[in-house]
Amino acid sequence: MMSIHGSLLEVTVVSCSKLKDTEWLSRQDPYVCVEYGSNRSTTRTCTDGGKNPTFQEKFVYSLVEGLREINVAVWNSNTVTHDDYIGSVRIPLTKALSHGFDDSTWPLQSKTGRHAGEVRLIMHYSNGNKPSKSLAPSYAPHNAPPVPTYSAPPPAAYYPPTPYPSYAPNSGGYPPAPYPPQATTYPPTPYPPNPAYGSHYPHGSPFPGTYPPPPY
């Protein structure tokens, strides 16, 4: 059994219900005492809580090996006389220590052993046992078919013939163009030709052409 010594236990006093009423003329004012070994904790007094008070108070205890239960007692607070004892219960920590969590309602007994109501506690123990990873269910069923492995592609000889037509070797593998070939000759230009220049130089002209020589 795992040692609990020094580990922390959180105890939350949630509420009481159906408490024995110790008041004759007014509503009783209950409070709860929690004892673990020599440690004692007390909730606030629920003024006019009557038979169904609510507390929602948390206490933390350092666990001691060999001490695996807590004592819970419910009292009615009086301002003039002594407080009235309503009931108590010894609560084992077995579920909280083994599962890490316990949310239960426990019956209270009066001094004469009669039913005196109920008290609800929530206990947390961080070192509680958790499911082992090795016991976690596998997502793949045992009878699942093996996953197929991929192999190298077959040689080219095993591929079926291509459905596209073949072309002549000199065509470059492309089909003939559907368009007519472009014309290689162009029509004569609609513009008149440039003025013709002479092929000889006139006498005394420093420039080629058919222009007359300068007057000087």
N, C-alpha and C. Protein backbone atom coordinates (compact mmCIF):
# COMPACT_ATOMS: atom_id res chain seq x y z
N MET A 1 0.85 -1.20 0.00
CA MET A 1 0.00 0.00 0.00
C MET A 1 0.89 1.25 0.00
N MET A 2 0.52 2.20 -0.85
CA MET A 2 1.32 3.42 -0.96
C MET A 2 1.22 4.26 0.31
N SER A 3 2.34 4.83 0.71
CA SER A 3 2.36 5.66 1.91
C SER A 3 1.67 6.99 1.64
N ILE A 4 0.91 7.45 2.62
CA ILE A 4 0.20 8.72 2.49
C ILE A 4 0.81 9.81 3.36
N HIS A 5 1.84 9.48 4.11
CA HIS A 5 2.39 10.42 5.09
C HIS A 5 2.92 11.68 4.39
N GLY A 6 2.44 12.82 4.86
CA GLY A 6 2.87 14.10 4.32
C GLY A 6 2.08 14.58 3.13
N SER A 7 1.26 13.72 2.53
CA SER A 7 0.43 14.14 1.40
C SER A 7 -0.72 15.01 1.90
N LEU A 8 -1.30 15.79 0.97
CA LEU A 8 -2.36 16.72 1.35
C LEU A 8 -3.74 16.19 0.95
N LEU A 9 -4.67 16.40 1.85
CA LEU A 9 -6.07 16.03 1.61
C LEU A 9 -6.92 17.29 1.75
N GLU A 10 -7.71 17.58 0.70
CA GLU A 10 -8.63 18.71 0.74
C GLU A 10 -10.04 18.22 1.07
N VAL A 11 -10.63 18.83 2.07
CA VAL A 11 -11.99 18.47 2.50
C VAL A 11 -12.87 19.71 2.41
N THR A 12 -13.91 19.63 1.60
CA THR A 12 -14.85 20.72 1.45
C THR A 12 -16.17 20.34 2.09
N VAL A 13 -16.57 21.12 3.09
CA VAL A 13 -17.88 20.93 3.72
C VAL A 13 -18.91 21.66 2.87
N VAL A 14 -19.75 20.93 2.19
CA VAL A 14 -20.69 21.53 1.25
C VAL A 14 -21.94 22.01 1.97
N SER A 15 -22.64 21.10 2.63
CA SER A 15 -23.93 21.46 3.23
C SER A 15 -24.41 20.36 4.16
N CYS A 16 -25.49 20.63 4.83
CA CYS A 16 -26.20 19.63 5.64
C CYS A 16 -27.66 19.62 5.22
N SER A 17 -28.32 18.54 5.48
CA SER A 17 -29.74 18.44 5.12
C SER A 17 -30.48 17.61 6.16
N LYS A 18 -31.73 17.96 6.37
CA LYS A 18 -32.64 17.23 7.27
C LYS A 18 -32.08 17.11 8.68
N LEU A 19 -31.45 18.18 9.16
CA LEU A 19 -30.87 18.14 10.50
C LEU A 19 -31.95 18.09 11.57
N LYS A 20 -31.61 17.45 12.66
CA LYS A 20 -32.49 17.47 13.83
C LYS A 20 -32.56 18.90 14.36
N ASP A 21 -33.76 19.39 14.60
CA ASP A 21 -33.96 20.77 15.05
C ASP A 21 -33.85 20.82 16.57
N THR A 22 -32.90 21.62 17.06
CA THR A 22 -32.69 21.74 18.50
C THR A 22 -33.31 23.01 19.07
N GLU A 23 -33.96 23.81 18.23
CA GLU A 23 -34.57 25.06 18.68
C GLU A 23 -36.09 24.89 18.76
N TRP A 24 -36.70 25.59 19.76
CA TRP A 24 -38.13 25.53 19.94
C TRP A 24 -38.82 26.75 19.35
N LEU A 25 -38.23 27.91 19.54
CA LEU A 25 -38.91 29.15 19.15
C LEU A 25 -38.33 29.81 17.90
N SER A 26 -37.12 29.50 17.52
CA SER A 26 -36.48 30.16 16.37
C SER A 26 -35.72 29.13 15.53
N ARG A 27 -35.18 29.59 14.41
CA ARG A 27 -34.39 28.71 13.56
C ARG A 27 -33.01 28.53 14.15
N GLN A 28 -32.49 27.31 14.07
CA GLN A 28 -31.18 27.03 14.64
C GLN A 28 -30.08 27.55 13.73
N ASP A 29 -28.87 27.72 14.31
CA ASP A 29 -27.72 28.27 13.59
C ASP A 29 -26.61 27.21 13.57
N PRO A 30 -26.61 26.31 12.57
CA PRO A 30 -25.66 25.20 12.59
C PRO A 30 -24.26 25.60 12.14
N TYR A 31 -23.28 24.83 12.58
CA TYR A 31 -21.91 24.89 12.06
C TYR A 31 -21.34 23.47 12.13
N VAL A 32 -20.23 23.26 11.40
CA VAL A 32 -19.66 21.91 11.28
C VAL A 32 -18.21 21.93 11.76
N CYS A 33 -17.85 20.90 12.53
CA CYS A 33 -16.47 20.71 12.98
C CYS A 33 -15.89 19.47 12.30
N VAL A 34 -14.67 19.62 11.77
CA VAL A 34 -13.97 18.51 11.12
C VAL A 34 -12.67 18.27 11.89
N GLU A 35 -12.44 17.01 12.27
CA GLU A 35 -11.25 16.64 13.03
C GLU A 35 -10.48 15.57 12.28
N TYR A 36 -9.17 15.80 12.15
CA TYR A 36 -8.27 14.78 11.61
C TYR A 36 -7.05 14.74 12.52
N GLY A 37 -6.95 13.69 13.30
CA GLY A 37 -5.89 13.59 14.30
C GLY A 37 -6.03 14.71 15.32
N SER A 38 -4.97 15.49 15.45
CA SER A 38 -5.00 16.61 16.39
C SER A 38 -5.44 17.92 15.73
N ASN A 39 -5.76 17.87 14.44
CA ASN A 39 -6.19 19.08 13.73
C ASN A 39 -7.71 19.18 13.74
N ARG A 40 -8.18 20.36 14.09
CA ARG A 40 -9.62 20.59 14.16
C ARG A 40 -9.95 21.87 13.41
N SER A 41 -10.93 21.80 12.53
CA SER A 41 -11.37 22.95 11.73
C SER A 41 -12.87 23.14 11.94
N THR A 42 -13.28 24.40 11.92
CA THR A 42 -14.69 24.72 12.14
C THR A 42 -15.17 25.67 11.06
N THR A 43 -16.33 25.39 10.50
CA THR A 43 -16.92 26.27 9.50
C THR A 43 -17.51 27.50 10.18
N ARG A 44 -17.90 28.46 9.40
CA ARG A 44 -18.64 29.60 9.92
C ARG A 44 -20.02 29.11 10.36
N THR A 45 -20.66 29.88 11.16
CA THR A 45 -22.02 29.56 11.59
C THR A 45 -23.01 30.03 10.53
N CYS A 46 -23.87 29.13 10.10
CA CYS A 46 -24.89 29.48 9.12
C CYS A 46 -26.11 30.00 9.88
N THR A 47 -26.17 31.32 10.03
CA THR A 47 -27.24 31.93 10.81
C THR A 47 -28.60 31.66 10.17
N ASP A 48 -29.52 31.18 11.00
CA ASP A 48 -30.87 30.82 10.55
C ASP A 48 -30.82 29.74 9.46
N GLY A 49 -29.79 28.91 9.50
CA GLY A 49 -29.68 27.83 8.51
C GLY A 49 -30.73 26.75 8.70
N GLY A 50 -31.25 26.65 9.92
CA GLY A 50 -32.30 25.68 10.18
C GLY A 50 -31.85 24.25 9.95
N LYS A 51 -32.66 23.50 9.19
CA LYS A 51 -32.37 22.09 8.96
C LYS A 51 -31.50 21.85 7.72
N ASN A 52 -31.37 22.87 6.87
CA ASN A 52 -30.64 22.68 5.61
C ASN A 52 -29.63 23.81 5.37
N PRO A 53 -28.61 23.90 6.20
CA PRO A 53 -27.62 24.98 6.04
C PRO A 53 -26.63 24.66 4.90
N THR A 54 -26.04 25.71 4.35
CA THR A 54 -25.02 25.59 3.30
C THR A 54 -23.75 26.27 3.77
N PHE A 55 -22.60 25.64 3.48
CA PHE A 55 -21.32 26.17 3.98
C PHE A 55 -20.31 26.44 2.85
N GLN A 56 -20.00 25.43 2.05
CA GLN A 56 -19.02 25.57 0.96
C GLN A 56 -17.68 26.09 1.47
N GLU A 57 -17.13 25.41 2.48
CA GLU A 57 -15.83 25.80 3.03
C GLU A 57 -14.84 24.64 2.91
N LYS A 58 -13.60 24.99 2.55
CA LYS A 58 -12.57 23.97 2.30
C LYS A 58 -11.47 24.04 3.34
N PHE A 59 -11.01 22.84 3.76
CA PHE A 59 -9.91 22.71 4.71
C PHE A 59 -8.89 21.73 4.12
N VAL A 60 -7.61 21.97 4.43
CA VAL A 60 -6.52 21.13 3.91
C VAL A 60 -5.78 20.51 5.09
N TYR A 61 -5.53 19.18 5.00
CA TYR A 61 -4.86 18.46 6.08
C TYR A 61 -3.65 17.71 5.52
N SER A 62 -2.61 17.68 6.32
CA SER A 62 -1.43 16.88 6.00
C SER A 62 -1.64 15.49 6.59
N LEU A 63 -1.65 14.51 5.71
CA LEU A 63 -2.01 13.16 6.13
C LEU A 63 -0.92 12.52 6.97
N VAL A 64 -1.35 11.64 7.84
CA VAL A 64 -0.46 10.89 8.73
C VAL A 64 -0.68 9.41 8.44
N GLU A 65 0.43 8.68 8.28
CA GLU A 65 0.33 7.25 8.00
C GLU A 65 -0.37 6.53 9.16
N GLY A 66 -1.34 5.70 8.82
CA GLY A 66 -2.09 4.96 9.82
C GLY A 66 -3.36 5.65 10.28
N LEU A 67 -3.59 6.89 9.82
CA LEU A 67 -4.80 7.61 10.22
C LEU A 67 -5.60 7.89 8.95
N ARG A 68 -6.62 7.08 8.71
CA ARG A 68 -7.35 7.12 7.44
C ARG A 68 -8.85 7.33 7.65
N GLU A 69 -9.19 8.23 8.55
CA GLU A 69 -10.58 8.62 8.72
C GLU A 69 -10.64 10.01 9.36
N ILE A 70 -11.76 10.69 9.16
CA ILE A 70 -11.98 11.99 9.78
C ILE A 70 -13.28 11.93 10.58
N ASN A 71 -13.36 12.78 11.58
CA ASN A 71 -14.57 12.89 12.39
C ASN A 71 -15.28 14.20 12.05
N VAL A 72 -16.57 14.12 11.81
CA VAL A 72 -17.36 15.30 11.47
C VAL A 72 -18.52 15.40 12.46
N ALA A 73 -18.66 16.57 13.07
CA ALA A 73 -19.75 16.81 14.03
C ALA A 73 -20.46 18.10 13.66
N VAL A 74 -21.78 18.13 13.86
CA VAL A 74 -22.59 19.31 13.55
C VAL A 74 -23.19 19.81 14.86
N TRP A 75 -23.08 21.13 15.05
CA TRP A 75 -23.55 21.77 16.27
C TRP A 75 -24.49 22.93 15.92
N ASN A 76 -25.29 23.29 16.91
CA ASN A 76 -26.12 24.48 16.82
C ASN A 76 -25.57 25.54 17.75
N SER A 77 -25.26 26.73 17.18
CA SER A 77 -24.64 27.79 17.96
C SER A 77 -25.68 28.53 18.80
N ASN A 78 -25.34 28.71 20.09
CA ASN A 78 -26.19 29.47 21.01
C ASN A 78 -25.36 30.61 21.59
N THR A 79 -25.99 31.75 21.77
CA THR A 79 -25.28 32.91 22.30
C THR A 79 -25.36 32.98 23.83
N VAL A 80 -26.35 32.38 24.42
CA VAL A 80 -26.53 32.48 25.87
C VAL A 80 -26.08 31.19 26.56
N THR A 81 -26.56 30.06 26.10
CA THR A 81 -26.21 28.78 26.71
C THR A 81 -25.16 28.07 25.86
N HIS A 82 -24.78 26.88 26.28
CA HIS A 82 -23.83 26.08 25.52
C HIS A 82 -24.42 25.67 24.17
N ASP A 83 -23.53 25.45 23.22
CA ASP A 83 -24.00 25.01 21.91
C ASP A 83 -24.64 23.63 22.00
N ASP A 84 -25.59 23.40 21.14
CA ASP A 84 -26.32 22.13 21.13
C ASP A 84 -25.69 21.16 20.14
N TYR A 85 -25.45 19.95 20.59
CA TYR A 85 -24.91 18.91 19.74
C TYR A 85 -26.04 18.33 18.89
N ILE A 86 -25.84 18.29 17.58
CA ILE A 86 -26.88 17.75 16.69
C ILE A 86 -26.55 16.31 16.29
N GLY A 87 -25.34 16.06 15.77
CA GLY A 87 -24.97 14.70 15.38
C GLY A 87 -23.56 14.66 14.82
N SER A 88 -23.04 13.45 14.64
CA SER A 88 -21.68 13.29 14.14
C SER A 88 -21.58 12.00 13.33
N VAL A 89 -20.42 11.85 12.63
CA VAL A 89 -20.16 10.65 11.83
C VAL A 89 -18.65 10.51 11.63
N ARG A 90 -18.18 9.25 11.62
CA ARG A 90 -16.79 8.94 11.29
C ARG A 90 -16.75 8.57 9.81
N ILE A 91 -15.92 9.26 9.06
CA ILE A 91 -15.89 9.07 7.60
C ILE A 91 -14.56 8.46 7.20
N PRO A 92 -14.56 7.27 6.60
CA PRO A 92 -13.30 6.67 6.13
C PRO A 92 -12.79 7.38 4.88
N LEU A 93 -11.48 7.39 4.72
CA LEU A 93 -10.86 8.05 3.58
C LEU A 93 -10.50 7.07 2.46
N THR A 94 -11.05 5.87 2.54
CA THR A 94 -10.67 4.82 1.59
C THR A 94 -10.87 5.24 0.14
N LYS A 95 -12.07 5.72 -0.19
CA LYS A 95 -12.37 6.08 -1.58
C LYS A 95 -11.55 7.27 -2.04
N ALA A 96 -11.40 8.26 -1.17
CA ALA A 96 -10.63 9.46 -1.55
C ALA A 96 -9.17 9.12 -1.80
N LEU A 97 -8.59 8.26 -0.99
CA LEU A 97 -7.18 7.92 -1.13
C LEU A 97 -6.93 7.00 -2.33
N SER A 98 -7.87 6.15 -2.66
CA SER A 98 -7.67 5.20 -3.76
C SER A 98 -8.02 5.80 -5.11
N HIS A 99 -9.06 6.63 -5.17
CA HIS A 99 -9.50 7.22 -6.43
C HIS A 99 -9.11 8.69 -6.59
N GLY A 100 -8.70 9.33 -5.51
CA GLY A 100 -8.33 10.74 -5.58
C GLY A 100 -9.50 11.69 -5.43
N PHE A 101 -10.71 11.15 -5.31
CA PHE A 101 -11.90 12.01 -5.25
C PHE A 101 -13.04 11.26 -4.57
N ASP A 102 -13.78 12.00 -3.75
CA ASP A 102 -14.94 11.41 -3.08
C ASP A 102 -15.96 12.51 -2.81
N ASP A 103 -17.13 12.39 -3.41
CA ASP A 103 -18.23 13.33 -3.19
C ASP A 103 -19.42 12.52 -2.68
N SER A 104 -19.61 12.54 -1.38
CA SER A 104 -20.63 11.67 -0.77
C SER A 104 -21.39 12.42 0.32
N THR A 105 -22.57 11.89 0.60
CA THR A 105 -23.40 12.38 1.71
C THR A 105 -23.42 11.32 2.80
N TRP A 106 -23.14 11.75 4.04
CA TRP A 106 -22.99 10.81 5.14
C TRP A 106 -24.06 11.06 6.21
N PRO A 107 -24.63 9.98 6.76
CA PRO A 107 -25.68 10.14 7.79
C PRO A 107 -25.08 10.51 9.14
N LEU A 108 -25.75 11.39 9.83
CA LEU A 108 -25.35 11.81 11.18
C LEU A 108 -26.16 11.05 12.23
N GLN A 109 -25.50 10.78 13.35
CA GLN A 109 -26.19 10.13 14.47
C GLN A 109 -26.14 11.01 15.71
N SER A 110 -27.25 11.04 16.43
CA SER A 110 -27.32 11.80 17.68
C SER A 110 -26.60 11.03 18.79
N LYS A 111 -26.59 11.60 19.99
CA LYS A 111 -25.94 10.93 21.12
C LYS A 111 -26.61 9.60 21.45
N THR A 112 -27.88 9.51 21.15
CA THR A 112 -28.62 8.27 21.45
C THR A 112 -28.59 7.29 20.29
N GLY A 113 -27.87 7.64 19.20
CA GLY A 113 -27.78 6.73 18.07
C GLY A 113 -28.87 6.90 17.04
N ARG A 114 -29.69 7.93 17.20
CA ARG A 114 -30.76 8.16 16.24
C ARG A 114 -30.27 8.97 15.04
N HIS A 115 -31.04 8.87 13.96
CA HIS A 115 -30.69 9.62 12.75
C HIS A 115 -30.89 11.11 13.03
N ALA A 116 -29.84 11.91 12.74
CA ALA A 116 -29.88 13.34 13.06
C ALA A 116 -29.67 14.20 11.81
N GLY A 117 -29.80 13.63 10.64
CA GLY A 117 -29.63 14.40 9.42
C GLY A 117 -28.46 13.88 8.58
N GLU A 118 -28.01 14.68 7.63
CA GLU A 118 -26.93 14.27 6.73
C GLU A 118 -25.96 15.44 6.50
N VAL A 119 -24.73 15.08 6.17
CA VAL A 119 -23.72 16.08 5.85
C VAL A 119 -23.05 15.65 4.53
N ARG A 120 -22.82 16.62 3.65
CA ARG A 120 -22.17 16.33 2.36
C ARG A 120 -20.76 16.90 2.35
N LEU A 121 -19.79 16.03 1.98
CA LEU A 121 -18.39 16.42 1.90
C LEU A 121 -17.85 16.07 0.51
N ILE A 122 -16.91 16.89 0.04
CA ILE A 122 -16.15 16.59 -1.18
C ILE A 122 -14.68 16.56 -0.79
N MET A 123 -14.02 15.43 -1.08
CA MET A 123 -12.61 15.28 -0.71
C MET A 123 -11.76 15.05 -1.95
N HIS A 124 -10.59 15.69 -2.00
CA HIS A 124 -9.64 15.55 -3.09
C HIS A 124 -8.30 15.10 -2.52
N TYR A 125 -7.71 14.12 -3.21
CA TYR A 125 -6.38 13.63 -2.83
C TYR A 125 -5.57 13.52 -4.12
N SER A 126 -4.53 14.36 -4.26
CA SER A 126 -3.82 14.47 -5.54
C SER A 126 -2.99 13.25 -5.88
N ASN A 127 -2.65 12.41 -4.89
CA ASN A 127 -1.81 11.24 -5.14
C ASN A 127 -2.62 9.97 -5.34
N GLY A 128 -3.89 10.11 -5.65
CA GLY A 128 -4.73 8.93 -5.86
C GLY A 128 -4.27 8.14 -7.06
N ASN A 129 -4.59 6.87 -7.08
CA ASN A 129 -4.20 6.00 -8.18
C ASN A 129 -4.86 6.45 -9.47
N LYS A 130 -4.09 6.40 -10.59
CA LYS A 130 -4.59 6.75 -11.90
C LYS A 130 -4.40 5.55 -12.83
N PRO A 131 -5.23 5.43 -13.86
CA PRO A 131 -5.09 4.30 -14.78
C PRO A 131 -3.71 4.28 -15.43
N SER A 132 -3.12 3.11 -15.47
CA SER A 132 -1.80 2.97 -16.07
C SER A 132 -1.88 3.14 -17.57
N LYS A 133 -0.82 3.73 -18.13
CA LYS A 133 -0.80 3.93 -19.57
C LYS A 133 -0.78 2.61 -20.32
N SER A 134 -0.16 1.59 -19.68
CA SER A 134 -0.08 0.30 -20.35
C SER A 134 -1.44 -0.36 -20.46
N LEU A 135 -2.39 0.05 -19.59
CA LEU A 135 -3.72 -0.52 -19.62
C LEU A 135 -4.66 0.26 -20.50
N ALA A 136 -4.19 1.35 -21.09
CA ALA A 136 -5.06 2.15 -21.93
C ALA A 136 -5.43 1.36 -23.17
N PRO A 137 -6.69 1.41 -23.64
CA PRO A 137 -7.11 0.64 -24.81
C PRO A 137 -6.41 1.13 -26.06
N SER A 138 -6.09 0.20 -26.90
CA SER A 138 -5.46 0.54 -28.17
C SER A 138 -6.52 0.97 -29.16
N TYR A 139 -6.22 1.98 -29.94
CA TYR A 139 -7.18 2.47 -30.91
C TYR A 139 -7.31 1.52 -32.11
N ALA A 140 -6.28 0.71 -32.38
CA ALA A 140 -6.34 -0.21 -33.50
C ALA A 140 -6.77 -1.58 -33.00
N PRO A 141 -7.87 -2.16 -33.48
CA PRO A 141 -8.30 -3.48 -33.02
C PRO A 141 -7.26 -4.54 -33.37
N HIS A 142 -7.23 -5.60 -32.55
CA HIS A 142 -6.23 -6.64 -32.75
C HIS A 142 -6.46 -7.39 -34.05
N ASN A 143 -7.72 -7.49 -34.50
CA ASN A 143 -8.02 -8.24 -35.70
C ASN A 143 -8.08 -7.36 -36.94
N ALA A 144 -7.53 -6.18 -36.87
CA ALA A 144 -7.55 -5.28 -38.02
C ALA A 144 -6.63 -5.84 -39.10
N PRO A 145 -7.01 -5.73 -40.38
CA PRO A 145 -6.14 -6.23 -41.46
C PRO A 145 -4.86 -5.44 -41.51
N PRO A 146 -3.77 -6.09 -41.97
CA PRO A 146 -2.49 -5.37 -42.03
C PRO A 146 -2.56 -4.23 -43.02
N VAL A 147 -1.82 -3.21 -42.72
CA VAL A 147 -1.78 -2.04 -43.60
C VAL A 147 -0.93 -2.39 -44.82
N PRO A 148 -1.44 -2.21 -46.03
CA PRO A 148 -0.66 -2.58 -47.21
C PRO A 148 0.57 -1.69 -47.34
N THR A 149 1.65 -2.32 -47.80
CA THR A 149 2.89 -1.58 -48.02
C THR A 149 3.01 -1.23 -49.49
N TYR A 150 3.62 -0.11 -49.78
CA TYR A 150 3.76 0.36 -51.15
C TYR A 150 5.05 -0.19 -51.74
N SER A 151 4.98 -0.69 -53.00
CA SER A 151 6.14 -1.23 -53.69
C SER A 151 6.51 -0.32 -54.84
N ALA A 152 7.66 -0.60 -55.42
CA ALA A 152 8.12 0.21 -56.54
C ALA A 152 7.20 0.01 -57.74
N PRO A 153 7.02 1.01 -58.62
CA PRO A 153 6.15 0.87 -59.79
C PRO A 153 6.69 -0.17 -60.74
N PRO A 154 5.83 -0.86 -61.49
CA PRO A 154 6.30 -1.90 -62.43
C PRO A 154 7.07 -1.28 -63.57
N PRO A 155 7.84 -2.11 -64.32
CA PRO A 155 8.59 -1.58 -65.48
C PRO A 155 7.65 -1.01 -66.52
N ALA A 156 8.24 -0.23 -67.43
CA ALA A 156 7.43 0.42 -68.45
C ALA A 156 6.71 -0.57 -69.33
N ALA A 157 7.30 -1.79 -69.49
CA ALA A 157 6.68 -2.77 -70.37
C ALA A 157 5.33 -3.23 -69.86
N TYR A 158 5.07 -3.06 -68.58
CA TYR A 158 3.82 -3.53 -68.01
C TYR A 158 2.72 -2.50 -68.09
N TYR A 159 3.02 -1.28 -68.50
CA TYR A 159 1.98 -0.28 -68.60
C TYR A 159 1.18 -0.51 -69.88
N PRO A 160 -0.11 -0.30 -69.91
CA PRO A 160 -0.91 -0.49 -71.12
C PRO A 160 -0.55 0.56 -72.16
N PRO A 161 -0.77 0.24 -73.46
CA PRO A 161 -0.43 1.21 -74.52
C PRO A 161 -1.24 2.48 -74.36
N THR A 162 -0.65 3.57 -74.76
CA THR A 162 -1.34 4.85 -74.64
C THR A 162 -2.46 4.95 -75.65
N PRO A 163 -3.60 5.54 -75.32
CA PRO A 163 -4.73 5.63 -76.25
C PRO A 163 -4.57 6.75 -77.26
N TYR A 164 -3.51 7.56 -77.18
CA TYR A 164 -3.36 8.67 -78.10
C TYR A 164 -2.67 8.21 -79.38
N PRO A 165 -3.00 8.75 -80.58
CA PRO A 165 -2.38 8.33 -81.85
C PRO A 165 -0.93 8.75 -81.90
N SER A 166 -0.17 7.96 -82.65
CA SER A 166 1.25 8.27 -82.83
C SER A 166 1.43 9.11 -84.07
N TYR A 167 2.53 9.82 -84.13
CA TYR A 167 2.80 10.71 -85.25
C TYR A 167 4.11 10.29 -85.92
N ALA A 168 4.29 10.84 -87.09
CA ALA A 168 5.48 10.50 -87.87
C ALA A 168 6.73 10.93 -87.11
N PRO A 169 7.84 10.23 -87.33
CA PRO A 169 9.06 10.58 -86.57
C PRO A 169 9.52 11.99 -86.81
N ASN A 170 9.38 12.52 -88.06
CA ASN A 170 9.89 13.85 -88.35
C ASN A 170 8.96 14.95 -87.89
N SER A 171 7.80 14.58 -87.37
CA SER A 171 6.85 15.62 -86.96
C SER A 171 7.16 16.16 -85.58
N GLY A 172 8.14 15.57 -84.90
CA GLY A 172 8.48 16.06 -83.56
C GLY A 172 7.49 15.60 -82.51
N GLY A 173 6.62 14.67 -82.84
CA GLY A 173 5.68 14.18 -81.83
C GLY A 173 4.45 15.02 -81.68
N TYR A 174 4.26 16.05 -82.47
CA TYR A 174 3.12 16.92 -82.35
C TYR A 174 2.23 16.76 -83.58
N PRO A 175 0.94 16.87 -83.49
CA PRO A 175 0.05 16.77 -84.64
C PRO A 175 0.21 18.00 -85.51
N PRO A 176 -0.18 17.87 -86.82
CA PRO A 176 -0.06 19.04 -87.72
C PRO A 176 -0.92 20.19 -87.24
N ALA A 177 -0.46 21.40 -87.44
CA ALA A 177 -1.18 22.59 -86.99
C ALA A 177 -2.49 22.71 -87.74
N PRO A 178 -3.59 23.03 -87.08
CA PRO A 178 -4.88 23.14 -87.77
C PRO A 178 -5.02 24.43 -88.55
N TYR A 179 -4.07 25.31 -88.46
CA TYR A 179 -4.19 26.59 -89.15
C TYR A 179 -3.38 26.57 -90.45
N PRO A 180 -3.79 27.32 -91.49
CA PRO A 180 -3.01 27.36 -92.75
C PRO A 180 -1.70 28.07 -92.52
N PRO A 181 -0.70 27.70 -93.30
CA PRO A 181 0.62 28.36 -93.11
C PRO A 181 0.54 29.83 -93.45
N GLN A 182 1.33 30.59 -92.78
CA GLN A 182 1.34 32.02 -93.01
C GLN A 182 2.00 32.35 -94.35
N ALA A 183 1.49 33.40 -94.98
CA ALA A 183 2.05 33.79 -96.30
C ALA A 183 3.47 34.30 -96.13
N THR A 184 4.30 33.88 -97.06
CA THR A 184 5.71 34.31 -97.01
C THR A 184 5.97 35.55 -97.84
N THR A 185 4.95 35.93 -98.71
CA THR A 185 5.11 37.13 -99.54
C THR A 185 4.13 38.16 -99.07
N TYR A 186 4.44 39.40 -99.21
CA TYR A 186 3.61 40.49 -98.77
C TYR A 186 3.18 41.29 -100.00
N PRO A 187 2.01 41.89 -100.00
CA PRO A 187 1.56 42.70 -101.14
C PRO A 187 2.40 43.96 -101.23
N PRO A 188 2.42 44.55 -102.42
CA PRO A 188 3.23 45.79 -102.57
C PRO A 188 2.69 46.89 -101.70
N THR A 189 3.53 47.75 -101.25
CA THR A 189 3.14 48.83 -100.36
C THR A 189 2.27 49.83 -101.09
N PRO A 190 1.22 50.35 -100.42
CA PRO A 190 0.34 51.30 -101.10
C PRO A 190 0.93 52.69 -101.20
N TYR A 191 2.02 52.94 -100.54
CA TYR A 191 2.60 54.28 -100.57
C TYR A 191 3.47 54.44 -101.81
N PRO A 192 3.55 55.67 -102.38
CA PRO A 192 4.41 55.88 -103.57
C PRO A 192 5.86 55.76 -103.20
N PRO A 193 6.66 55.36 -104.11
CA PRO A 193 8.09 55.20 -103.80
C PRO A 193 8.74 56.55 -103.54
N ASN A 194 9.84 56.48 -102.85
CA ASN A 194 10.61 57.69 -102.57
C ASN A 194 11.17 58.27 -103.88
N PRO A 195 11.38 59.55 -103.93
CA PRO A 195 11.97 60.13 -105.18
C PRO A 195 13.31 59.51 -105.50
N ALA A 196 13.45 59.26 -106.75
CA ALA A 196 14.70 58.62 -107.18
C ALA A 196 15.82 59.66 -107.27
N TYR A 197 16.90 59.21 -106.82
CA TYR A 197 18.08 60.06 -106.89
C TYR A 197 18.99 59.57 -108.01
N GLY A 198 19.64 60.50 -108.62
CA GLY A 198 20.54 60.15 -109.72
C GLY A 198 21.72 59.34 -109.26
N SER A 199 22.22 58.62 -110.20
CA SER A 199 23.37 57.82 -109.87
C SER A 199 24.69 58.52 -110.18
N HIS A 200 24.57 59.81 -110.71
CA HIS A 200 25.80 60.53 -111.03
C HIS A 200 25.76 61.90 -110.38
N TYR A 201 26.89 62.46 -110.19
CA TYR A 201 26.98 63.78 -109.60
C TYR A 201 26.93 64.82 -110.72
N PRO A 202 26.04 65.87 -110.64
CA PRO A 202 26.07 66.94 -111.65
C PRO A 202 27.37 67.71 -111.59
N HIS A 203 27.63 68.41 -112.65
CA HIS A 203 28.90 69.15 -112.72
C HIS A 203 28.92 70.27 -111.71
N GLY A 204 29.91 70.27 -110.88
CA GLY A 204 30.08 71.32 -109.89
C GLY A 204 29.25 71.13 -108.63
N SER A 205 28.40 70.09 -108.54
CA SER A 205 27.56 69.88 -107.33
C SER A 205 28.35 69.09 -106.31
N PRO A 206 28.37 69.60 -105.07
CA PRO A 206 29.08 68.83 -104.03
C PRO A 206 28.21 67.71 -103.45
N PHE A 207 26.94 67.62 -103.85
CA PHE A 207 26.03 66.63 -103.28
C PHE A 207 25.55 65.70 -104.36
N PRO A 208 25.33 64.44 -104.12
CA PRO A 208 24.80 63.54 -105.12
C PRO A 208 23.33 63.80 -105.33
N GLY A 209 22.85 63.43 -106.49
CA GLY A 209 21.43 63.60 -106.79
C GLY A 209 21.23 64.33 -108.08
N THR A 210 19.98 64.73 -108.38
CA THR A 210 19.63 65.39 -109.63
C THR A 210 19.38 66.86 -109.44
N TYR A 211 19.71 67.37 -108.25
CA TYR A 211 19.47 68.80 -108.02
C TYR A 211 20.48 69.60 -108.82
N PRO A 212 20.10 70.84 -109.31
CA PRO A 212 21.06 71.65 -110.06
C PRO A 212 22.15 72.19 -109.15
N PRO A 213 23.25 72.57 -109.72
CA PRO A 213 24.37 73.06 -108.88
C PRO A 213 24.04 74.42 -108.32
N PRO A 214 24.67 74.80 -107.24
CA PRO A 214 24.41 76.10 -106.65
C PRO A 214 24.77 77.22 -107.63
N PRO A 215 24.16 78.44 -107.48
CA PRO A 215 24.36 79.49 -108.48
C PRO A 215 25.70 80.15 -108.41
N TYR A 216 26.52 79.87 -107.43
CA TYR A 216 27.82 80.54 -107.37
C TYR A 216 28.90 79.65 -107.92
